[in-house]
Amino acid sequence: MSGDLLEEYRVSVVPSRGRIRADVWYIRQALGFVWRAAWVWGLLLAVSVIGRDTLDWWLSPTDDFHARSIVSTSVAVALFACAGALTAWRSRSIRSGMLAGIATGLIGGLIVNVGSVVMLSINHDPHTMAMIRASGGLGEVFSLPIFITLPGTVCATLGAVAAKTLRYVVGSRVAQ
């Protein structure tokens, strides 16, 4: 896919649009691919994190966040791994799976941060603020969604490797 895009850029787009407009076209095409590969996974990641934050902030006064941490971490690992695996399966590229992991984390983090601001604007009474402090504080609320991009990309890469390996095995068996 990237070879076709590069060929179209060189053969058709640069001569018809000029170098600068062709570069903008190429970047838009590449970002469109990344967006299509990751927006659903980023949205699902954001929904899971915002759901966890909602429980932590408003619905259950507790000091034990262990079970929720295990569930939310497992969901995040699964989402990143699926993003990487599905993208690598479709594109036949481990690098595309890695890129989908990065994009999933960044898209999810952006949505979570916007959602957190909205939730805080709706309710920021002393009880809610105490619950936020008890669950890690505002620093964690805004930094964790972006921070998980790196380990999430590792999970996406593992998913991509698994998908690429499975595709190879399936292809080898079909060829026999």
N, C-alpha and C. Protein backbone atom coordinates (compact mmCIF):
# COMPACT_ATOMS: atom_id res chain seq x y z
N MET A 1 0.83 -1.19 0.00
CA MET A 1 0.00 0.00 0.00
C MET A 1 0.87 1.25 0.00
N SER A 2 1.90 1.26 0.87
CA SER A 2 2.75 2.44 0.92
C SER A 2 3.52 2.61 -0.38
N GLY A 3 3.87 1.50 -1.04
CA GLY A 3 4.55 1.59 -2.33
C GLY A 3 3.65 2.21 -3.39
N ASP A 4 2.37 1.82 -3.39
CA ASP A 4 1.42 2.39 -4.34
C ASP A 4 1.23 3.88 -4.09
N LEU A 5 1.14 4.24 -2.83
CA LEU A 5 0.97 5.65 -2.48
C LEU A 5 2.18 6.46 -2.92
N LEU A 6 3.36 5.94 -2.67
CA LEU A 6 4.59 6.63 -3.06
C LEU A 6 4.69 6.74 -4.58
N GLU A 7 4.31 5.68 -5.28
CA GLU A 7 4.34 5.73 -6.75
C GLU A 7 3.37 6.78 -7.29
N GLU A 8 2.15 6.80 -6.75
CA GLU A 8 1.18 7.81 -7.18
C GLU A 8 1.69 9.22 -6.90
N TYR A 9 2.31 9.40 -5.74
CA TYR A 9 2.88 10.69 -5.37
C TYR A 9 3.92 11.13 -6.41
N ARG A 10 4.84 10.24 -6.74
CA ARG A 10 5.93 10.59 -7.66
C ARG A 10 5.46 10.77 -9.09
N VAL A 11 4.60 9.86 -9.56
CA VAL A 11 4.23 9.84 -10.97
C VAL A 11 3.11 10.84 -11.29
N SER A 12 2.12 10.95 -10.42
CA SER A 12 0.94 11.75 -10.74
C SER A 12 0.83 13.06 -9.97
N VAL A 13 1.03 12.98 -8.67
CA VAL A 13 0.69 14.12 -7.83
C VAL A 13 1.73 15.23 -7.90
N VAL A 14 3.02 14.89 -7.83
CA VAL A 14 4.05 15.94 -7.90
C VAL A 14 3.98 16.69 -9.23
N PRO A 15 3.88 16.00 -10.37
CA PRO A 15 3.82 16.77 -11.62
C PRO A 15 2.57 17.65 -11.74
N SER A 16 1.44 17.19 -11.20
CA SER A 16 0.21 17.97 -11.37
C SER A 16 0.03 19.05 -10.31
N ARG A 17 0.60 18.88 -9.13
CA ARG A 17 0.35 19.83 -8.04
C ARG A 17 1.58 20.63 -7.63
N GLY A 18 2.74 20.18 -7.99
CA GLY A 18 3.95 20.82 -7.49
C GLY A 18 4.37 20.17 -6.19
N ARG A 19 5.61 20.40 -5.80
CA ARG A 19 6.22 19.70 -4.67
C ARG A 19 5.50 19.96 -3.34
N ILE A 20 5.25 21.20 -3.01
CA ILE A 20 4.68 21.52 -1.70
C ILE A 20 3.25 20.98 -1.58
N ARG A 21 2.42 21.23 -2.57
CA ARG A 21 1.05 20.73 -2.51
C ARG A 21 1.02 19.21 -2.57
N ALA A 22 1.96 18.61 -3.28
CA ALA A 22 2.05 17.15 -3.33
C ALA A 22 2.46 16.59 -1.97
N ASP A 23 3.38 17.27 -1.28
CA ASP A 23 3.78 16.83 0.06
C ASP A 23 2.59 16.86 1.02
N VAL A 24 1.81 17.93 0.94
CA VAL A 24 0.61 18.04 1.79
C VAL A 24 -0.35 16.90 1.45
N TRP A 25 -0.54 16.61 0.17
CA TRP A 25 -1.40 15.51 -0.25
C TRP A 25 -0.91 14.19 0.34
N TYR A 26 0.38 13.93 0.25
CA TYR A 26 0.96 12.69 0.73
C TYR A 26 0.77 12.55 2.24
N ILE A 27 1.03 13.61 2.97
CA ILE A 27 0.86 13.57 4.43
C ILE A 27 -0.60 13.31 4.78
N ARG A 28 -1.53 13.96 4.08
CA ARG A 28 -2.95 13.73 4.33
C ARG A 28 -3.34 12.28 4.05
N GLN A 29 -2.81 11.71 2.99
CA GLN A 29 -3.11 10.32 2.65
C GLN A 29 -2.58 9.38 3.74
N ALA A 30 -1.34 9.62 4.17
CA ALA A 30 -0.72 8.76 5.19
C ALA A 30 -1.47 8.89 6.52
N LEU A 31 -1.81 10.12 6.91
CA LEU A 31 -2.56 10.31 8.16
C LEU A 31 -3.95 9.70 8.07
N GLY A 32 -4.55 9.74 6.89
CA GLY A 32 -5.85 9.10 6.70
C GLY A 32 -5.78 7.60 6.94
N PHE A 33 -4.70 6.98 6.45
CA PHE A 33 -4.50 5.55 6.69
C PHE A 33 -4.37 5.28 8.19
N VAL A 34 -3.56 6.07 8.86
CA VAL A 34 -3.36 5.88 10.30
C VAL A 34 -4.67 6.09 11.04
N TRP A 35 -5.40 7.13 10.69
CA TRP A 35 -6.68 7.42 11.34
C TRP A 35 -7.65 6.25 11.16
N ARG A 36 -7.78 5.76 9.93
CA ARG A 36 -8.70 4.64 9.68
C ARG A 36 -8.29 3.38 10.43
N ALA A 37 -7.00 3.19 10.62
CA ALA A 37 -6.52 2.00 11.32
C ALA A 37 -6.74 2.09 12.83
N ALA A 38 -6.81 3.31 13.38
CA ALA A 38 -6.75 3.42 14.85
C ALA A 38 -7.91 4.14 15.52
N TRP A 39 -8.76 4.84 14.81
CA TRP A 39 -9.74 5.67 15.52
C TRP A 39 -10.70 4.85 16.36
N VAL A 40 -11.14 3.70 15.87
CA VAL A 40 -12.07 2.88 16.65
C VAL A 40 -11.39 2.38 17.92
N TRP A 41 -10.13 1.92 17.78
CA TRP A 41 -9.40 1.41 18.94
C TRP A 41 -9.14 2.53 19.95
N GLY A 42 -8.80 3.71 19.45
CA GLY A 42 -8.59 4.86 20.34
C GLY A 42 -9.86 5.23 21.08
N LEU A 43 -10.98 5.21 20.37
CA LEU A 43 -12.27 5.51 21.00
C LEU A 43 -12.61 4.47 22.06
N LEU A 44 -12.43 3.19 21.74
CA LEU A 44 -12.71 2.13 22.72
C LEU A 44 -11.80 2.26 23.94
N LEU A 45 -10.53 2.59 23.71
CA LEU A 45 -9.61 2.81 24.83
C LEU A 45 -10.09 3.96 25.69
N ALA A 46 -10.50 5.05 25.06
CA ALA A 46 -10.98 6.21 25.80
C ALA A 46 -12.24 5.88 26.61
N VAL A 47 -13.14 5.14 26.01
CA VAL A 47 -14.37 4.76 26.72
C VAL A 47 -14.02 3.93 27.95
N SER A 48 -13.07 3.01 27.81
CA SER A 48 -12.70 2.18 28.96
C SER A 48 -12.04 3.01 30.06
N VAL A 49 -11.19 3.94 29.70
CA VAL A 49 -10.52 4.77 30.71
C VAL A 49 -11.50 5.74 31.36
N ILE A 50 -12.35 6.35 30.56
CA ILE A 50 -13.34 7.27 31.12
C ILE A 50 -14.32 6.51 32.01
N GLY A 51 -14.67 5.29 31.63
CA GLY A 51 -15.52 4.46 32.50
C GLY A 51 -14.86 4.17 33.83
N ARG A 52 -13.59 3.85 33.78
CA ARG A 52 -12.84 3.60 35.02
C ARG A 52 -12.78 4.88 35.86
N ASP A 53 -12.50 6.01 35.22
CA ASP A 53 -12.46 7.28 35.95
C ASP A 53 -13.81 7.60 36.58
N THR A 54 -14.88 7.32 35.86
CA THR A 54 -16.21 7.58 36.41
C THR A 54 -16.45 6.76 37.66
N LEU A 55 -16.07 5.49 37.62
CA LEU A 55 -16.19 4.66 38.83
C LEU A 55 -15.35 5.22 39.97
N ASP A 56 -14.10 5.57 39.66
CA ASP A 56 -13.20 6.07 40.69
C ASP A 56 -13.67 7.39 41.28
N TRP A 57 -14.20 8.26 40.46
CA TRP A 57 -14.53 9.61 40.90
C TRP A 57 -15.89 9.71 41.56
N TRP A 58 -16.89 9.06 40.99
CA TRP A 58 -18.25 9.39 41.38
C TRP A 58 -19.04 8.26 42.00
N LEU A 59 -18.79 7.03 41.64
CA LEU A 59 -19.73 5.98 42.00
C LEU A 59 -19.34 5.12 43.18
N SER A 60 -18.10 5.08 43.52
CA SER A 60 -17.77 4.17 44.62
C SER A 60 -16.62 4.71 45.46
N PRO A 61 -16.93 5.21 46.61
CA PRO A 61 -15.84 5.64 47.50
C PRO A 61 -15.11 4.42 48.05
N THR A 62 -13.88 4.24 47.58
CA THR A 62 -13.09 3.09 48.02
C THR A 62 -11.62 3.47 48.07
N ASP A 63 -10.87 2.71 48.82
CA ASP A 63 -9.42 2.89 48.85
C ASP A 63 -8.73 1.75 48.12
N ASP A 64 -9.49 0.74 47.68
CA ASP A 64 -8.91 -0.42 47.02
C ASP A 64 -9.24 -0.38 45.53
N PHE A 65 -8.26 0.01 44.75
CA PHE A 65 -8.44 0.12 43.31
C PHE A 65 -7.80 -1.05 42.57
N HIS A 66 -7.36 -2.07 43.28
CA HIS A 66 -6.62 -3.18 42.68
C HIS A 66 -7.42 -3.92 41.61
N ALA A 67 -8.63 -4.33 41.93
CA ALA A 67 -9.43 -5.10 40.96
C ALA A 67 -9.71 -4.26 39.72
N ARG A 68 -10.06 -3.00 39.91
CA ARG A 68 -10.32 -2.13 38.76
C ARG A 68 -9.08 -1.92 37.93
N SER A 69 -7.93 -1.84 38.60
CA SER A 69 -6.67 -1.67 37.87
C SER A 69 -6.38 -2.88 36.99
N ILE A 70 -6.61 -4.06 37.52
CA ILE A 70 -6.38 -5.28 36.74
C ILE A 70 -7.30 -5.32 35.53
N VAL A 71 -8.57 -5.02 35.75
CA VAL A 71 -9.53 -5.05 34.64
C VAL A 71 -9.18 -3.98 33.61
N SER A 72 -8.93 -2.76 34.04
CA SER A 72 -8.67 -1.69 33.06
C SER A 72 -7.35 -1.92 32.33
N THR A 73 -6.35 -2.46 33.01
CA THR A 73 -5.08 -2.76 32.34
C THR A 73 -5.27 -3.88 31.32
N SER A 74 -6.01 -4.91 31.69
CA SER A 74 -6.27 -6.02 30.76
C SER A 74 -7.04 -5.55 29.54
N VAL A 75 -8.02 -4.69 29.74
CA VAL A 75 -8.79 -4.16 28.60
C VAL A 75 -7.87 -3.35 27.69
N ALA A 76 -7.02 -2.50 28.27
CA ALA A 76 -6.10 -1.69 27.46
C ALA A 76 -5.13 -2.57 26.68
N VAL A 77 -4.56 -3.58 27.33
CA VAL A 77 -3.64 -4.50 26.64
C VAL A 77 -4.36 -5.17 25.47
N ALA A 78 -5.57 -5.65 25.70
CA ALA A 78 -6.33 -6.32 24.64
C ALA A 78 -6.63 -5.37 23.49
N LEU A 79 -7.02 -4.13 23.80
CA LEU A 79 -7.33 -3.17 22.73
C LEU A 79 -6.10 -2.85 21.89
N PHE A 80 -4.97 -2.59 22.55
CA PHE A 80 -3.74 -2.30 21.81
C PHE A 80 -3.32 -3.50 20.97
N ALA A 81 -3.35 -4.70 21.56
CA ALA A 81 -2.94 -5.90 20.82
C ALA A 81 -3.85 -6.14 19.61
N CYS A 82 -5.14 -5.94 19.78
CA CYS A 82 -6.07 -6.10 18.66
C CYS A 82 -5.84 -5.04 17.58
N ALA A 83 -5.58 -3.81 17.99
CA ALA A 83 -5.29 -2.76 17.01
C ALA A 83 -4.07 -3.13 16.18
N GLY A 84 -3.02 -3.58 16.83
CA GLY A 84 -1.81 -3.97 16.12
C GLY A 84 -2.03 -5.19 15.24
N ALA A 85 -2.73 -6.19 15.78
CA ALA A 85 -2.95 -7.43 15.03
C ALA A 85 -3.81 -7.21 13.80
N LEU A 86 -4.92 -6.52 13.97
CA LEU A 86 -5.82 -6.31 12.83
C LEU A 86 -5.16 -5.46 11.75
N THR A 87 -4.45 -4.44 12.16
CA THR A 87 -3.77 -3.58 11.18
C THR A 87 -2.68 -4.35 10.45
N ALA A 88 -1.90 -5.13 11.18
CA ALA A 88 -0.85 -5.93 10.54
C ALA A 88 -1.44 -7.00 9.64
N TRP A 89 -2.55 -7.58 10.04
CA TRP A 89 -3.19 -8.60 9.21
C TRP A 89 -3.62 -7.98 7.87
N ARG A 90 -4.26 -6.82 7.95
CA ARG A 90 -4.75 -6.17 6.73
C ARG A 90 -3.62 -5.67 5.84
N SER A 91 -2.63 -5.05 6.46
CA SER A 91 -1.57 -4.40 5.69
C SER A 91 -0.38 -5.32 5.40
N ARG A 92 -0.34 -6.46 6.10
CA ARG A 92 0.80 -7.38 6.01
C ARG A 92 2.10 -6.72 6.46
N SER A 93 1.98 -5.81 7.42
CA SER A 93 3.15 -5.05 7.87
C SER A 93 3.15 -4.92 9.39
N ILE A 94 4.22 -5.37 10.01
CA ILE A 94 4.36 -5.20 11.46
C ILE A 94 4.49 -3.73 11.81
N ARG A 95 5.20 -2.97 10.97
CA ARG A 95 5.35 -1.53 11.22
C ARG A 95 4.00 -0.82 11.24
N SER A 96 3.09 -1.24 10.39
CA SER A 96 1.75 -0.64 10.40
C SER A 96 1.03 -0.95 11.71
N GLY A 97 1.22 -2.15 12.23
CA GLY A 97 0.64 -2.50 13.52
C GLY A 97 1.21 -1.66 14.65
N MET A 98 2.52 -1.42 14.58
CA MET A 98 3.15 -0.55 15.58
C MET A 98 2.58 0.87 15.49
N LEU A 99 2.46 1.37 14.28
CA LEU A 99 1.92 2.71 14.08
C LEU A 99 0.48 2.80 14.57
N ALA A 100 -0.29 1.74 14.36
CA ALA A 100 -1.66 1.71 14.88
C ALA A 100 -1.66 1.77 16.40
N GLY A 101 -0.67 1.15 17.05
CA GLY A 101 -0.57 1.23 18.51
C GLY A 101 -0.29 2.65 18.98
N ILE A 102 0.64 3.31 18.32
CA ILE A 102 0.95 4.70 18.67
C ILE A 102 -0.29 5.57 18.49
N ALA A 103 -0.94 5.44 17.34
CA ALA A 103 -2.12 6.25 17.05
C ALA A 103 -3.26 5.94 18.02
N THR A 104 -3.44 4.68 18.36
CA THR A 104 -4.49 4.31 19.32
C THR A 104 -4.26 5.02 20.65
N GLY A 105 -3.02 4.99 21.14
CA GLY A 105 -2.72 5.65 22.41
C GLY A 105 -2.92 7.16 22.35
N LEU A 106 -2.48 7.77 21.27
CA LEU A 106 -2.61 9.23 21.17
C LEU A 106 -4.06 9.67 20.98
N ILE A 107 -4.79 8.96 20.13
CA ILE A 107 -6.21 9.28 19.94
C ILE A 107 -6.98 9.05 21.23
N GLY A 108 -6.76 7.89 21.85
CA GLY A 108 -7.43 7.61 23.12
C GLY A 108 -7.08 8.61 24.19
N GLY A 109 -5.80 8.97 24.28
CA GLY A 109 -5.37 9.94 25.29
C GLY A 109 -6.00 11.30 25.09
N LEU A 110 -6.09 11.74 23.85
CA LEU A 110 -6.72 13.03 23.56
C LEU A 110 -8.19 13.01 23.96
N ILE A 111 -8.90 11.94 23.59
CA ILE A 111 -10.32 11.84 23.95
C ILE A 111 -10.49 11.78 25.46
N VAL A 112 -9.64 11.02 26.14
CA VAL A 112 -9.73 10.93 27.60
C VAL A 112 -9.50 12.29 28.24
N ASN A 113 -8.51 13.03 27.77
CA ASN A 113 -8.23 14.33 28.36
C ASN A 113 -9.38 15.30 28.15
N VAL A 114 -9.96 15.30 26.96
CA VAL A 114 -11.13 16.16 26.71
C VAL A 114 -12.29 15.70 27.59
N GLY A 115 -12.51 14.37 27.65
CA GLY A 115 -13.59 13.85 28.49
C GLY A 115 -13.39 14.16 29.96
N SER A 116 -12.16 14.14 30.43
CA SER A 116 -11.87 14.47 31.83
C SER A 116 -12.17 15.92 32.12
N VAL A 117 -11.83 16.80 31.20
CA VAL A 117 -12.15 18.22 31.39
C VAL A 117 -13.67 18.41 31.45
N VAL A 118 -14.38 17.71 30.57
CA VAL A 118 -15.85 17.81 30.57
C VAL A 118 -16.40 17.28 31.89
N MET A 119 -15.92 16.12 32.35
CA MET A 119 -16.41 15.56 33.61
C MET A 119 -16.11 16.50 34.78
N LEU A 120 -14.93 17.11 34.78
CA LEU A 120 -14.59 18.05 35.85
C LEU A 120 -15.45 19.30 35.78
N SER A 121 -15.79 19.73 34.58
CA SER A 121 -16.64 20.92 34.47
C SER A 121 -18.06 20.63 34.95
N ILE A 122 -18.49 19.39 34.81
CA ILE A 122 -19.83 19.01 35.27
C ILE A 122 -19.86 18.91 36.79
N ASN A 123 -18.83 18.29 37.36
CA ASN A 123 -18.84 18.08 38.81
C ASN A 123 -17.42 18.15 39.34
N HIS A 124 -17.15 19.16 40.12
CA HIS A 124 -15.84 19.31 40.75
C HIS A 124 -16.01 19.73 42.22
N ASP A 125 -17.01 19.15 42.86
CA ASP A 125 -17.26 19.44 44.27
C ASP A 125 -16.15 18.82 45.13
N PRO A 126 -16.08 19.17 46.41
CA PRO A 126 -15.00 18.66 47.27
C PRO A 126 -14.94 17.14 47.33
N HIS A 127 -16.10 16.47 47.34
CA HIS A 127 -16.10 15.01 47.39
C HIS A 127 -15.45 14.42 46.13
N THR A 128 -15.83 14.93 44.96
CA THR A 128 -15.26 14.44 43.70
C THR A 128 -13.75 14.69 43.68
N MET A 129 -13.33 15.85 44.11
CA MET A 129 -11.90 16.17 44.11
C MET A 129 -11.14 15.27 45.08
N ALA A 130 -11.77 14.93 46.21
CA ALA A 130 -11.14 13.99 47.16
C ALA A 130 -11.02 12.60 46.53
N MET A 131 -12.04 12.19 45.79
CA MET A 131 -11.99 10.89 45.12
C MET A 131 -10.90 10.88 44.04
N ILE A 132 -10.75 11.97 43.34
CA ILE A 132 -9.70 12.06 42.31
C ILE A 132 -8.34 11.95 42.97
N ARG A 133 -8.14 12.65 44.07
CA ARG A 133 -6.86 12.56 44.79
C ARG A 133 -6.61 11.14 45.27
N ALA A 134 -7.66 10.47 45.76
CA ALA A 134 -7.51 9.10 46.28
C ALA A 134 -7.18 8.10 45.17
N SER A 135 -7.60 8.40 43.93
CA SER A 135 -7.36 7.46 42.83
C SER A 135 -6.11 7.80 42.02
N GLY A 136 -5.32 8.76 42.47
CA GLY A 136 -4.07 9.07 41.77
C GLY A 136 -3.85 10.54 41.49
N GLY A 137 -4.90 11.34 41.61
CA GLY A 137 -4.76 12.77 41.42
C GLY A 137 -4.94 13.23 39.99
N LEU A 138 -5.04 14.54 39.84
CA LEU A 138 -5.25 15.13 38.52
C LEU A 138 -4.07 14.90 37.59
N GLY A 139 -2.87 14.84 38.15
CA GLY A 139 -1.70 14.57 37.31
C GLY A 139 -1.84 13.25 36.58
N GLU A 140 -2.30 12.24 37.30
CA GLU A 140 -2.51 10.93 36.69
C GLU A 140 -3.65 10.97 35.68
N VAL A 141 -4.69 11.72 36.01
CA VAL A 141 -5.84 11.81 35.12
C VAL A 141 -5.41 12.28 33.73
N PHE A 142 -4.54 13.28 33.68
CA PHE A 142 -4.17 13.87 32.39
C PHE A 142 -2.90 13.28 31.77
N SER A 143 -2.02 12.69 32.57
CA SER A 143 -0.78 12.15 31.99
C SER A 143 -0.88 10.66 31.65
N LEU A 144 -1.61 9.89 32.42
CA LEU A 144 -1.68 8.45 32.21
C LEU A 144 -2.18 8.07 30.81
N PRO A 145 -3.24 8.73 30.31
CA PRO A 145 -3.71 8.33 28.97
C PRO A 145 -2.63 8.47 27.89
N ILE A 146 -1.76 9.45 27.99
CA ILE A 146 -0.69 9.62 27.02
C ILE A 146 0.47 8.69 27.36
N PHE A 147 0.74 8.53 28.65
CA PHE A 147 1.85 7.69 29.11
C PHE A 147 1.69 6.24 28.66
N ILE A 148 0.46 5.75 28.58
CA ILE A 148 0.26 4.35 28.21
C ILE A 148 0.52 4.08 26.73
N THR A 149 0.78 5.13 25.96
CA THR A 149 1.04 4.93 24.53
C THR A 149 2.27 4.05 24.30
N LEU A 150 3.32 4.24 25.08
CA LEU A 150 4.54 3.44 24.87
C LEU A 150 4.31 1.96 25.19
N PRO A 151 3.85 1.60 26.40
CA PRO A 151 3.60 0.17 26.63
C PRO A 151 2.48 -0.37 25.72
N GLY A 152 1.53 0.49 25.38
CA GLY A 152 0.48 0.06 24.47
C GLY A 152 1.02 -0.27 23.09
N THR A 153 2.01 0.51 22.65
CA THR A 153 2.63 0.24 21.35
C THR A 153 3.39 -1.08 21.38
N VAL A 154 3.98 -1.40 22.52
CA VAL A 154 4.62 -2.72 22.66
C VAL A 154 3.57 -3.82 22.50
N CYS A 155 2.43 -3.65 23.15
CA CYS A 155 1.35 -4.64 23.02
C CYS A 155 0.85 -4.72 21.58
N ALA A 156 0.72 -3.57 20.92
CA ALA A 156 0.30 -3.55 19.52
C ALA A 156 1.32 -4.26 18.64
N THR A 157 2.60 -4.06 18.93
CA THR A 157 3.65 -4.71 18.17
C THR A 157 3.59 -6.22 18.34
N LEU A 158 3.37 -6.68 19.56
CA LEU A 158 3.23 -8.12 19.80
C LEU A 158 2.01 -8.67 19.05
N GLY A 159 0.93 -7.91 19.05
CA GLY A 159 -0.25 -8.32 18.29
C GLY A 159 0.05 -8.37 16.80
N ALA A 160 0.82 -7.40 16.31
CA ALA A 160 1.19 -7.37 14.90
C ALA A 160 2.07 -8.55 14.53
N VAL A 161 3.03 -8.87 15.39
CA VAL A 161 3.91 -10.03 15.13
C VAL A 161 3.07 -11.31 15.10
N ALA A 162 2.15 -11.44 16.05
CA ALA A 162 1.29 -12.63 16.08
C ALA A 162 0.45 -12.73 14.80
N ALA A 163 -0.11 -11.62 14.36
CA ALA A 163 -0.94 -11.63 13.15
C ALA A 163 -0.11 -11.94 11.92
N LYS A 164 1.06 -11.34 11.83
CA LYS A 164 1.94 -11.59 10.68
C LYS A 164 2.37 -13.06 10.65
N THR A 165 2.68 -13.62 11.81
CA THR A 165 3.07 -15.03 11.91
C THR A 165 1.90 -15.92 11.51
N LEU A 166 0.72 -15.62 12.03
CA LEU A 166 -0.47 -16.40 11.70
C LEU A 166 -0.76 -16.33 10.20
N ARG A 167 -0.63 -15.17 9.63
CA ARG A 167 -0.86 -14.99 8.19
C ARG A 167 0.13 -15.84 7.39
N TYR A 168 1.36 -15.87 7.84
CA TYR A 168 2.39 -16.69 7.18
C TYR A 168 2.06 -18.17 7.27
N VAL A 169 1.67 -18.62 8.47
CA VAL A 169 1.34 -20.03 8.69
C VAL A 169 0.13 -20.42 7.86
N VAL A 170 -0.91 -19.59 7.90
CA VAL A 170 -2.11 -19.87 7.12
C VAL A 170 -1.78 -19.89 5.64
N GLY A 171 -0.99 -18.93 5.18
CA GLY A 171 -0.60 -18.88 3.78
C GLY A 171 0.23 -20.08 3.36
N SER A 172 1.12 -20.55 4.24
CA SER A 172 1.94 -21.71 3.94
C SER A 172 1.09 -22.97 3.82
N ARG A 173 0.10 -23.11 4.68
CA ARG A 173 -0.76 -24.29 4.65
C ARG A 173 -1.67 -24.28 3.43
N VAL A 174 -2.13 -23.10 3.03
CA VAL A 174 -2.99 -23.01 1.86
C VAL A 174 -2.20 -23.35 0.60
N ALA A 175 -0.93 -22.94 0.56
CA ALA A 175 -0.06 -23.19 -0.60
C ALA A 175 0.24 -24.67 -0.76
N GLN A 176 0.23 -25.43 0.33
CA GLN A 176 0.55 -26.86 0.26
C GLN A 176 -0.61 -27.57 -0.28
